[in-house]
N, C-alpha and C. Protein backbone atom coordinates (compact mmCIF):
# COMPACT_ATOMS: atom_id res chain seq x y z
N UNK A 1 -38.06 41.61 -41.53
CA UNK A 1 -38.24 39.90 -42.23
C UNK A 1 -39.26 39.42 -41.96
N UNK A 2 -39.81 38.70 -42.77
CA UNK A 2 -40.81 38.40 -43.01
C UNK A 2 -40.37 36.84 -42.73
N UNK A 3 -41.61 35.71 -42.49
CA UNK A 3 -41.08 34.49 -42.43
C UNK A 3 -42.36 33.52 -42.80
N UNK A 4 -42.16 32.58 -43.21
CA UNK A 4 -43.18 31.56 -43.44
C UNK A 4 -43.46 30.42 -42.88
N UNK A 5 -44.51 30.20 -42.39
CA UNK A 5 -44.42 29.21 -40.92
C UNK A 5 -45.42 28.46 -41.50
N UNK A 6 -45.76 26.98 -40.46
CA UNK A 6 -46.89 26.36 -40.82
C UNK A 6 -47.16 26.21 -39.59
N UNK A 7 -48.75 26.07 -39.57
CA UNK A 7 -49.53 26.04 -38.42
C UNK A 7 -50.18 24.88 -38.91
N UNK A 8 -50.25 23.51 -37.74
CA UNK A 8 -51.00 22.61 -37.71
C UNK A 8 -52.00 22.82 -36.97
N UNK A 9 -53.57 22.92 -37.03
CA UNK A 9 -54.77 23.27 -36.32
C UNK A 9 -55.19 21.57 -36.31
N UNK A 10 -55.08 21.21 -34.61
CA UNK A 10 -55.26 20.04 -33.99
C UNK A 10 -56.85 20.26 -33.35
N UNK A 11 -57.67 19.19 -34.01
CA UNK A 11 -59.11 18.67 -33.60
C UNK A 11 -59.45 17.97 -31.93
N UNK A 12 -60.35 18.36 -31.40
CA UNK A 12 -60.52 17.91 -30.31
C UNK A 12 -60.02 16.35 -29.70
N UNK A 13 -59.86 15.65 -30.80
CA UNK A 13 -59.66 14.18 -30.61
C UNK A 13 -58.21 14.20 -31.06
N UNK A 14 -57.31 15.09 -31.06
CA UNK A 14 -56.28 15.05 -30.67
C UNK A 14 -55.68 15.24 -31.74
N UNK A 15 -56.31 14.30 -33.83
CA UNK A 15 -55.86 14.75 -34.55
C UNK A 15 -55.76 16.19 -35.15
N UNK A 16 -55.25 15.57 -36.49
CA UNK A 16 -55.25 17.22 -36.96
C UNK A 16 -55.99 17.45 -38.07
N UNK A 17 -56.92 18.57 -37.99
CA UNK A 17 -57.57 18.89 -38.64
C UNK A 17 -57.63 19.63 -40.17
N UNK A 18 -56.30 20.31 -40.20
CA UNK A 18 -55.65 21.13 -41.44
C UNK A 18 -54.29 22.09 -40.81
N UNK A 19 -53.84 22.09 -41.86
CA UNK A 19 -52.51 22.98 -42.23
C UNK A 19 -52.44 24.32 -42.33
N UNK A 20 -52.21 25.72 -42.02
CA UNK A 20 -51.92 26.47 -42.72
C UNK A 20 -51.00 26.95 -42.62
N UNK A 21 -50.42 28.24 -43.72
CA UNK A 21 -49.35 28.66 -43.60
C UNK A 21 -49.98 30.24 -43.99
N UNK A 22 -48.09 30.50 -42.60
CA UNK A 22 -48.87 32.11 -42.71
C UNK A 22 -47.23 32.91 -42.88
N UNK A 23 -47.38 34.19 -43.30
CA UNK A 23 -46.29 35.05 -43.22
C UNK A 23 -46.46 36.01 -42.26
N UNK A 24 -45.28 35.60 -41.25
CA UNK A 24 -45.02 36.11 -40.33
C UNK A 24 -43.92 37.02 -40.00
N UNK A 25 -43.72 37.56 -39.03
CA UNK A 25 -42.86 38.83 -38.71
C UNK A 25 -42.52 38.19 -37.41
N UNK A 26 -40.89 37.97 -37.03
CA UNK A 26 -40.68 38.05 -35.57
C UNK A 26 -41.06 38.93 -34.78
N UNK A 27 -41.13 39.89 -34.82
CA UNK A 27 -41.91 41.00 -34.23
C UNK A 27 -43.21 40.58 -33.52
N UNK A 28 -44.13 39.94 -34.38
CA UNK A 28 -45.36 40.16 -33.95
C UNK A 28 -45.49 39.07 -32.39
N UNK A 29 -46.36 39.24 -31.82
CA UNK A 29 -46.49 38.12 -30.41
C UNK A 29 -47.71 37.17 -31.24
N UNK A 30 -47.44 36.33 -30.20
CA UNK A 30 -48.28 34.93 -30.69
C UNK A 30 -49.93 35.36 -30.51
N UNK A 31 -50.36 36.38 -29.60
CA UNK A 31 -51.64 36.47 -29.78
C UNK A 31 -51.95 37.18 -31.12
N UNK A 32 -50.97 38.06 -31.71
CA UNK A 32 -51.53 38.40 -32.84
C UNK A 32 -51.06 37.23 -34.39
N UNK A 33 -50.95 35.69 -34.05
CA UNK A 33 -50.94 35.13 -34.89
C UNK A 33 -52.47 34.41 -34.78
N UNK A 34 -52.82 35.09 -33.16
CA UNK A 34 -54.21 33.92 -32.85
C UNK A 34 -55.30 34.67 -33.30
N UNK A 35 -54.79 35.89 -33.75
CA UNK A 35 -56.05 37.24 -33.94
C UNK A 35 -56.15 36.86 -35.20
N UNK A 36 -55.42 36.74 -36.16
CA UNK A 36 -54.85 36.51 -37.71
C UNK A 36 -55.47 34.66 -38.15
N UNK A 37 -55.28 33.60 -37.13
CA UNK A 37 -55.88 32.69 -37.35
C UNK A 37 -57.64 32.68 -37.67
N UNK A 38 -58.13 33.48 -35.50
CA UNK A 38 -59.64 33.32 -35.98
C UNK A 38 -59.88 34.31 -36.99
N UNK A 39 -59.18 35.50 -37.87
CA UNK A 39 -60.16 36.20 -38.53
C UNK A 39 -59.73 35.49 -39.81
N UNK A 40 -58.62 35.01 -40.39
CA UNK A 40 -59.07 34.73 -42.02
C UNK A 40 -59.58 33.18 -42.07
N UNK A 41 -59.48 31.99 -40.81
CA UNK A 41 -59.38 30.81 -40.80
C UNK A 41 -60.21 30.18 -40.05
N UNK A 42 -61.18 31.29 -39.08
CA UNK A 42 -62.26 31.06 -38.51
C UNK A 42 -62.45 30.15 -37.49
N UNK A 43 -61.30 30.15 -36.83
CA UNK A 43 -60.62 29.40 -35.43
C UNK A 43 -60.98 30.38 -34.62
N UNK A 44 -61.68 29.99 -33.76
CA UNK A 44 -62.18 30.30 -32.51
C UNK A 44 -61.15 31.56 -31.69
N UNK A 45 -61.09 32.64 -31.48
CA UNK A 45 -59.96 33.16 -30.52
C UNK A 45 -59.77 32.80 -29.64
N UNK A 46 -60.54 32.64 -28.31
CA UNK A 46 -60.51 32.06 -27.75
C UNK A 46 -60.13 31.03 -27.08
N UNK A 47 -60.33 29.78 -27.75
CA UNK A 47 -59.72 28.43 -27.73
C UNK A 47 -58.89 28.06 -28.44
N UNK A 48 -58.07 28.89 -28.54
CA UNK A 48 -56.46 28.54 -29.55
C UNK A 48 -55.92 28.39 -28.43
N UNK A 49 -54.61 27.77 -28.54
CA UNK A 49 -53.25 27.38 -27.62
C UNK A 49 -52.30 27.62 -28.68
N UNK A 50 -50.96 28.00 -29.11
CA UNK A 50 -50.03 27.79 -30.06
C UNK A 50 -48.78 27.19 -29.67
N UNK A 51 -48.54 25.50 -29.14
CA UNK A 51 -47.30 25.64 -29.28
C UNK A 51 -46.40 24.93 -29.60
N UNK A 52 -45.27 24.96 -29.43
CA UNK A 52 -43.93 24.65 -30.01
C UNK A 52 -43.13 23.37 -29.27
N UNK A 53 -42.71 22.61 -30.04
CA UNK A 53 -41.80 21.58 -28.87
C UNK A 53 -42.77 20.98 -28.14
N UNK A 54 -44.05 21.08 -27.87
CA UNK A 54 -44.97 20.72 -26.92
C UNK A 54 -45.32 21.96 -26.07
N UNK A 55 -44.65 22.55 -25.99
CA UNK A 55 -44.53 23.91 -24.40
C UNK A 55 -45.67 25.07 -25.17
N UNK A 56 -46.42 24.94 -24.55
CA UNK A 56 -47.77 26.34 -25.10
C UNK A 56 -47.02 27.48 -24.93
N UNK A 57 -47.03 28.67 -25.96
CA UNK A 57 -46.58 29.80 -25.65
C UNK A 57 -47.65 31.05 -25.45
N UNK A 58 -46.78 31.84 -24.66
CA UNK A 58 -47.50 33.05 -23.96
C UNK A 58 -47.68 33.63 -24.63
N UNK A 59 -49.35 34.24 -24.77
CA UNK A 59 -49.69 35.22 -25.37
C UNK A 59 -48.99 36.84 -25.88
N UNK A 60 -47.79 36.98 -25.20
CA UNK A 60 -47.59 38.87 -25.20
C UNK A 60 -45.67 38.25 -25.32
N UNK A 61 -45.91 36.96 -25.97
CA UNK A 61 -44.15 36.44 -26.25
C UNK A 61 -44.05 36.65 -27.70
N UNK A 62 -42.80 37.57 -28.42
CA UNK A 62 -42.62 37.74 -29.51
C UNK A 62 -41.94 36.26 -30.19
N UNK A 63 -43.10 36.33 -31.27
CA UNK A 63 -42.33 35.19 -32.24
C UNK A 63 -40.98 34.85 -32.12
N UNK A 64 -39.86 36.04 -32.73
CA UNK A 64 -38.32 35.64 -32.46
C UNK A 64 -37.87 35.19 -31.44
N UNK A 65 -38.52 35.30 -29.77
CA UNK A 65 -37.97 34.88 -28.40
C UNK A 65 -38.58 33.00 -28.71
N UNK A 66 -39.87 33.30 -29.26
CA UNK A 66 -40.42 31.34 -29.03
C UNK A 66 -39.21 30.64 -29.92
N UNK A 67 -38.39 31.48 -30.88
CA UNK A 67 -37.01 30.52 -31.57
C UNK A 67 -38.57 30.35 -32.73
N UNK A 68 -39.12 30.35 -33.19
CA UNK A 68 -39.65 30.52 -34.49
C UNK A 68 -39.12 30.56 -35.68
N UNK A 69 -39.18 29.82 -36.51
CA UNK A 69 -38.11 29.53 -37.92
C UNK A 69 -39.10 29.81 -38.78
N UNK A 70 -38.28 30.03 -40.01
CA UNK A 70 -39.48 29.64 -40.96
C UNK A 70 -39.45 28.20 -41.63
N UNK A 71 -40.24 28.09 -42.42
CA UNK A 71 -40.71 26.68 -42.40
C UNK A 71 -41.98 25.44 -42.28
N UNK A 72 -41.49 24.39 -42.62
CA UNK A 72 -42.72 23.58 -41.33
C UNK A 72 -42.39 23.37 -39.99
N UNK A 73 -42.61 23.13 -39.40
CA UNK A 73 -42.03 23.07 -38.15
C UNK A 73 -43.65 22.38 -36.90
N UNK A 74 -42.77 22.23 -36.03
CA UNK A 74 -44.28 21.89 -34.96
C UNK A 74 -44.86 23.01 -34.57
N UNK A 75 -45.17 23.76 -34.98
CA UNK A 75 -46.15 24.33 -34.55
C UNK A 75 -47.43 24.45 -34.71
N UNK A 76 -48.49 24.60 -33.29
CA UNK A 76 -49.14 24.01 -33.80
C UNK A 76 -50.52 25.13 -32.50
């Protein structure tokens, strides 16, 4: 199963710079998504944190285990 997620890219001052739509698989890890962001959208990988509901997600966590669901949401 593939799902569409919306990722909001924050700027250093706390504002939002852009929004990225990605098609992901629940079996992908947070690190997989961060790698895709760095490749496809030129966001430096070491400087990225992905969070959901203000909780930073661990790189080794699978998206399904993090509660990631299809559609717009608070994934940043």
